[in-house]
Protein backbone atom coordinates (compact mmCIF):
# COMPACT_ATOMS: atom_id res chain seq x y z
CA MET A 1 7.32 149.80 32.18
CA LEU A 2 8.88 152.85 30.19
CA ASP A 3 8.62 150.74 26.83
CA SER A 4 4.64 150.20 27.23
CA MET A 5 4.06 154.21 27.37
CA PRO A 6 2.70 155.79 24.10
CA VAL A 7 5.69 157.99 22.71
CA TYR A 8 4.61 161.35 20.99
CA SER A 9 6.61 163.43 18.60
CA LYS A 10 7.71 166.82 19.91
CA LYS A 11 4.71 168.42 17.57
CA LYS A 12 2.06 166.10 18.69
CA SER A 13 2.92 166.51 22.48
CA SER A 14 2.87 170.56 22.17
CA GLN A 15 -0.61 170.00 20.31
CA LEU A 16 -1.90 167.86 22.93
CA TYR A 17 -0.64 170.19 25.74
CA GLU A 18 -2.43 172.98 23.80
CA GLN A 19 -5.72 171.16 23.59
CA ARG A 20 -5.51 170.33 26.85
CA ALA A 21 -4.59 173.76 28.19
CA GLN A 22 -7.45 175.38 25.92
CA HIS A 23 -9.77 172.90 27.49
CA PHE A 24 -9.03 173.33 30.98
CA VAL A 25 -6.44 176.35 31.49
CA VAL A 26 -8.11 179.74 32.35
CA CYS A 27 -6.45 183.19 32.85
CA ASP A 28 -4.71 183.56 36.06
CA ASP A 29 -5.73 187.36 36.07
CA CYS A 30 -9.65 187.12 35.22
CA GLU A 31 -10.18 183.41 36.01
CA THR A 32 -12.82 183.32 33.22
CA GLY A 33 -11.51 183.56 29.69
CA PRO A 34 -9.26 180.86 28.13
CA ALA A 35 -5.57 181.42 28.63
CA GLN A 36 -3.37 181.87 25.47
CA PHE A 37 -0.48 183.49 26.40
CA TYR A 38 2.09 182.99 29.03
CA CYS A 39 4.21 185.52 30.88
CA LYS A 40 7.75 184.19 31.41
CA SER A 41 8.80 187.14 34.15
CA CYS A 42 5.95 186.42 36.48
CA HIS A 43 4.90 182.73 35.40
CA GLY A 44 1.12 183.84 34.61
CA ARG A 45 -1.17 182.46 32.06
CA LEU A 46 -3.26 185.09 30.48
CA CYS A 47 -6.28 185.64 28.31
CA GLU A 48 -6.20 188.13 25.18
CA GLU A 49 -7.62 190.85 27.22
CA CYS A 50 -5.47 190.46 30.26
CA LYS A 51 -2.64 190.17 28.19
CA VAL A 52 -3.19 193.55 26.72
CA SER A 53 -3.76 195.02 30.07
CA HIS A 54 -0.38 193.30 31.25
CA GLU A 55 1.66 194.84 28.65
CA THR A 56 0.00 198.58 29.12
CA LYS A 57 0.59 198.45 32.97
CA LYS A 58 3.65 200.35 33.97
CA ILE A 59 4.92 197.87 36.14
CA THR A 60 4.38 194.94 33.75
CA ARG A 61 4.90 196.38 30.49
CA GLY A 62 8.63 195.10 30.23
CA HIS A 63 7.62 191.34 30.98
CA LYS A 64 8.43 188.57 28.36
CA MET A 65 5.39 187.41 26.75
CA ILE A 66 4.89 184.09 24.91
CA SER A 67 2.23 181.95 23.60
CA LEU A 68 0.90 179.30 25.63
CA SER A 69 1.53 176.81 22.88
CA GLU A 70 5.17 177.88 23.18
CA TYR A 71 5.11 177.44 26.79
CA PHE A 72 3.74 174.12 26.56
CA GLU A 73 6.51 173.32 23.93
CA SER A 74 9.23 174.40 26.09
CA LEU A 75 7.83 171.98 28.75
CA CYS A 76 8.01 169.08 26.06
CA ASP A 77 11.50 170.28 25.55
CA ASP A 78 12.23 170.00 29.38
CA ASN A 79 10.46 166.55 29.23
CA ASP A 80 12.62 165.64 26.32
CA THR A 81 15.72 166.63 28.11
CA HIS A 82 14.83 164.83 31.25
CA GLU A 83 14.09 161.66 29.21
CA ASN A 84 17.56 162.12 27.34
CA GLU A 85 19.23 162.61 30.69
CA GLU A 86 17.48 159.28 31.88
CA HIS A 87 18.69 157.39 28.84
CA SER A 88 22.29 158.86 29.18
CA ALA A 89 22.25 157.76 32.89
CA ARG A 90 21.23 154.23 31.93
CA VAL A 91 23.82 153.99 29.03
CA VAL A 92 26.35 155.43 31.60
CA LYS A 93 25.26 152.96 34.62
CA LYS A 94 25.72 149.98 32.00
CA GLN A 95 29.04 151.26 30.87
CA LEU A 96 30.14 151.31 34.72
CA ARG A 97 28.60 148.07 35.52
CA MET A 98 30.51 146.56 32.48
CA GLU A 99 33.67 148.35 33.51
CA GLN A 100 33.26 146.96 37.30
CA ASN A 101 32.71 143.40 35.87
CA ASN A 102 35.73 143.64 33.72
CA ILE A 103 37.79 144.95 36.61
CA GLU A 104 36.25 142.11 39.09
CA SER A 105 36.11 139.27 37.04
CA LYS A 106 39.36 139.92 34.84
CA LEU A 107 41.83 142.59 35.80
CA ILE A 108 42.04 142.07 39.49
CA PRO A 109 42.34 138.12 38.97
CA ALA A 110 44.92 138.56 36.26
CA LEU A 111 46.74 140.99 38.45
CA ASN A 112 46.45 138.36 41.42
CA GLN A 113 47.74 135.77 39.20
CA ARG A 114 50.69 137.81 37.71
CA LEU A 115 51.79 138.91 41.78
CA THR A 116 51.77 135.44 42.75
CA ALA A 117 54.09 134.36 39.82
CA GLU A 118 56.01 137.37 40.76
CA HIS A 119 56.46 136.09 44.35
CA LEU A 120 57.19 132.69 43.00
CA LYS A 121 59.81 134.11 40.87
CA LYS A 122 61.43 135.89 43.94
CA SER A 123 61.49 132.43 46.02
CA ARG A 124 62.98 130.58 43.07
CA LEU A 125 65.71 133.38 42.64
CA SER A 126 66.53 133.26 46.12
CA SER A 127 66.89 129.33 45.93
CA SER A 128 68.96 129.41 43.04
CA VAL A 129 71.27 132.14 44.25
CA THR A 130 71.78 130.28 47.42
CA ASN A 131 72.67 127.17 45.18
CA ILE A 132 74.93 129.05 43.32
CA SER A 133 76.65 130.66 46.23
CA ASP A 134 77.22 127.12 47.88
CA GLN A 135 78.67 125.62 44.80
CA PHE A 136 80.91 128.75 44.48
CA GLU A 137 82.13 128.59 48.01
CA ASN A 138 82.55 124.87 47.60
CA ARG A 139 84.89 125.47 44.47
CA CYS A 140 86.87 128.03 46.43
CA LYS A 141 87.01 125.38 49.47
CA GLU A 142 88.63 122.56 46.98
CA LEU A 143 91.12 125.04 45.63
CA THR A 144 91.96 126.33 48.96
CA GLU A 145 92.64 122.89 50.00
CA MET A 146 94.51 122.00 46.86
CA ILE A 147 96.93 125.12 47.32
CA ASN A 148 97.42 124.24 50.89
CA GLU A 149 98.39 120.65 49.82
CA ILE A 150 100.75 121.94 47.21
CA LYS A 151 102.09 124.63 49.71
CA GLU A 152 102.64 121.80 52.25
CA ASN A 153 104.19 119.39 49.90
CA TYR A 154 106.39 121.75 48.49
CA ILE A 155 107.84 123.24 51.64
CA GLU A 156 108.24 119.71 53.21
CA LYS A 157 110.47 118.99 50.06
CA LEU A 158 112.16 122.15 50.49
CA GLU A 159 113.04 121.40 54.00
CA LYS A 160 114.32 117.99 53.13
CA ASN A 161 116.74 119.07 50.49
CA LYS A 162 117.83 121.83 52.80
CA GLU A 163 118.66 118.93 55.64
CA LYS A 164 120.34 116.96 52.64
CA ILE A 165 122.61 119.84 51.70
CA PHE A 166 123.46 120.76 55.46
CA ASP A 167 124.52 117.07 56.24
CA GLU A 168 126.72 117.63 53.27
CA LEU A 169 128.26 120.83 54.11
CA ASN A 170 128.59 119.80 57.71
CA GLN A 171 130.70 116.70 56.66
CA THR A 172 132.72 119.30 54.40
CA ILE A 173 133.17 121.66 57.48
CA SER A 174 134.39 119.04 59.63
CA ASN A 175 136.94 117.50 57.49
CA LEU A 176 138.25 121.10 57.06
CA GLU A 177 138.04 121.73 60.78
CA GLY A 178 139.98 118.34 61.27
CA ASN A 179 142.58 119.07 58.73
CA ILE A 180 143.22 122.65 60.17
CA LYS A 181 143.53 120.98 63.44
CA LYS A 182 146.28 118.60 62.12
CA LEU A 183 148.25 121.25 60.33
CA GLU A 184 148.09 123.47 63.53
CA THR A 185 149.62 120.47 65.25
CA ARG A 186 152.21 119.79 63.01
CA SER A 187 153.27 123.67 62.94
CA PHE A 188 153.69 123.38 66.49
CA GLU A 189 156.01 120.34 66.20
CA ILE A 190 158.03 122.08 63.82
CA ASN A 191 158.23 124.99 65.75
CA GLU A 192 159.67 122.90 68.66
CA HIS A 193 162.07 121.26 66.09
CA LEU A 194 163.35 124.31 65.14
CA GLY A 195 164.43 124.59 68.94
CA LEU A 196 166.75 121.74 68.81
CA LYS A 197 170.38 121.59 68.46
CA ASP A 198 171.86 120.98 65.14
CA LYS A 199 172.70 117.23 66.07
CA GLU A 200 169.07 116.69 67.27
CA ILE A 201 167.45 118.68 64.38
CA ILE A 202 169.06 116.18 61.82
CA GLN A 203 167.53 113.32 63.29
CA LYS A 204 163.83 114.85 62.81
CA LYS A 205 162.28 114.30 59.22
CA THR A 206 159.88 116.41 57.12
CA GLU A 207 156.59 115.01 56.24
CA ASN A 208 155.07 115.06 52.76
CA ILE A 209 151.91 116.87 52.95
CA GLU A 210 149.40 115.77 50.15
CA GLU A 211 147.62 119.27 49.83
CA GLU A 212 144.96 117.63 47.70
CA THR A 213 143.71 115.78 50.32
CA LEU A 214 143.34 118.81 52.70
CA PHE A 215 140.66 120.37 50.63
CA PRO A 216 137.23 118.47 50.21
CA LYS A 217 135.61 118.77 46.80
CA ALA A 218 134.42 122.16 45.89
CA THR A 219 130.58 122.82 45.88
CA SER A 220 128.37 125.76 45.46
CA VAL A 221 125.09 125.97 47.02
CA VAL A 222 122.27 128.07 45.15
CA ALA A 223 118.78 128.86 46.19
CA GLU A 224 116.77 129.75 43.25
CA ASP A 225 114.34 133.04 43.68
CA PHE A 226 110.83 132.32 43.81
CA CYS A 227 109.47 133.39 40.61
CA PRO A 228 105.80 132.87 40.36
CA SER A 229 103.88 133.68 37.28
CA LYS A 230 101.87 136.97 37.04
CA LEU A 231 98.58 136.39 38.94
CA GLU A 232 96.01 137.63 36.37
CA LYS A 233 92.22 137.65 37.58
CA GLU A 234 90.95 136.48 34.34
CA SER A 235 93.33 133.36 34.49
CA VAL A 236 92.01 132.55 38.30
CA GLN A 237 88.49 133.17 37.06
CA GLN A 238 89.09 130.48 34.38
CA ILE A 239 89.56 127.97 37.17
CA PHE A 240 85.84 128.48 38.09
CA GLY A 241 84.80 128.16 34.21
CA HIS A 242 81.63 130.11 33.43
CA LEU A 243 80.19 132.16 36.18
CA PRO A 244 76.37 131.97 35.98
CA GLU A 245 74.65 135.58 35.87
CA ILE A 246 71.15 136.68 36.87
CA ILE A 247 69.31 137.97 34.15
CA LEU A 248 65.89 139.78 34.12
CA ASN A 249 64.61 139.47 30.71
CA ASP A 250 62.11 141.97 29.26
CA PHE A 251 58.68 140.62 28.37
CA SER A 252 56.91 144.16 27.86
CA LYS A 253 56.36 143.02 24.04
CA ILE A 254 55.26 139.76 24.89
CA SER A 255 51.61 138.87 25.60
CA PRO A 256 51.07 137.72 29.15
CA LYS A 257 49.84 134.43 28.18
CA SER A 258 53.19 133.67 26.47
CA GLU A 259 55.01 134.92 29.64
CA MET A 260 52.96 132.89 32.08
């Protein structure tokens, strides 16, 4: 609609306004002569005679006066300004619609897609961490069971060795106690013999005591100190092998398409 309207240059538009004004516009004061001037102070259109009178009156002598053609030219300028504003508004509206279209058809869907991906990462990470934790717990359980088995087997072996040595020591103790009792009995007999008369004592015989048989084979019992190797954190960790870590990679320098 606007494109079909005739377009005039500023000069032609001014001339057209002036021609129409000179043909139709009359002086606002005398209402008979053709208006040729415009008072910017009281917004009146004046003919030549009324202009002179307007400039001589005390109350209006300071008013700003321009030719009617200048006045119509200023109207053209205002009209051009209005058209420029309409054009600028159309350009801005077009740009705003393009921006809105970019937001709704591209940016928001892309961000929603990224949002879904981030939630999916959280879900996968949670599952992975749970799986790793379970595996680590199972490994610790295996080690605990193995350590308990080693402990029980060792303590059982230790107790058996103790009982075996106890039996040998008890046998030695029993032999010693028996020999001591025999010697005490023999000492008591000797004491009774010493109280006899000479005639009687000569009938008693001494016994040849084999001292070697009194003392069992000498032994020693040594319980070695428990001297475990130094428990190093690094050495224990080696049992678990490589412990997986959680890494957040930075894709800030990678395009979104390559990340997805």
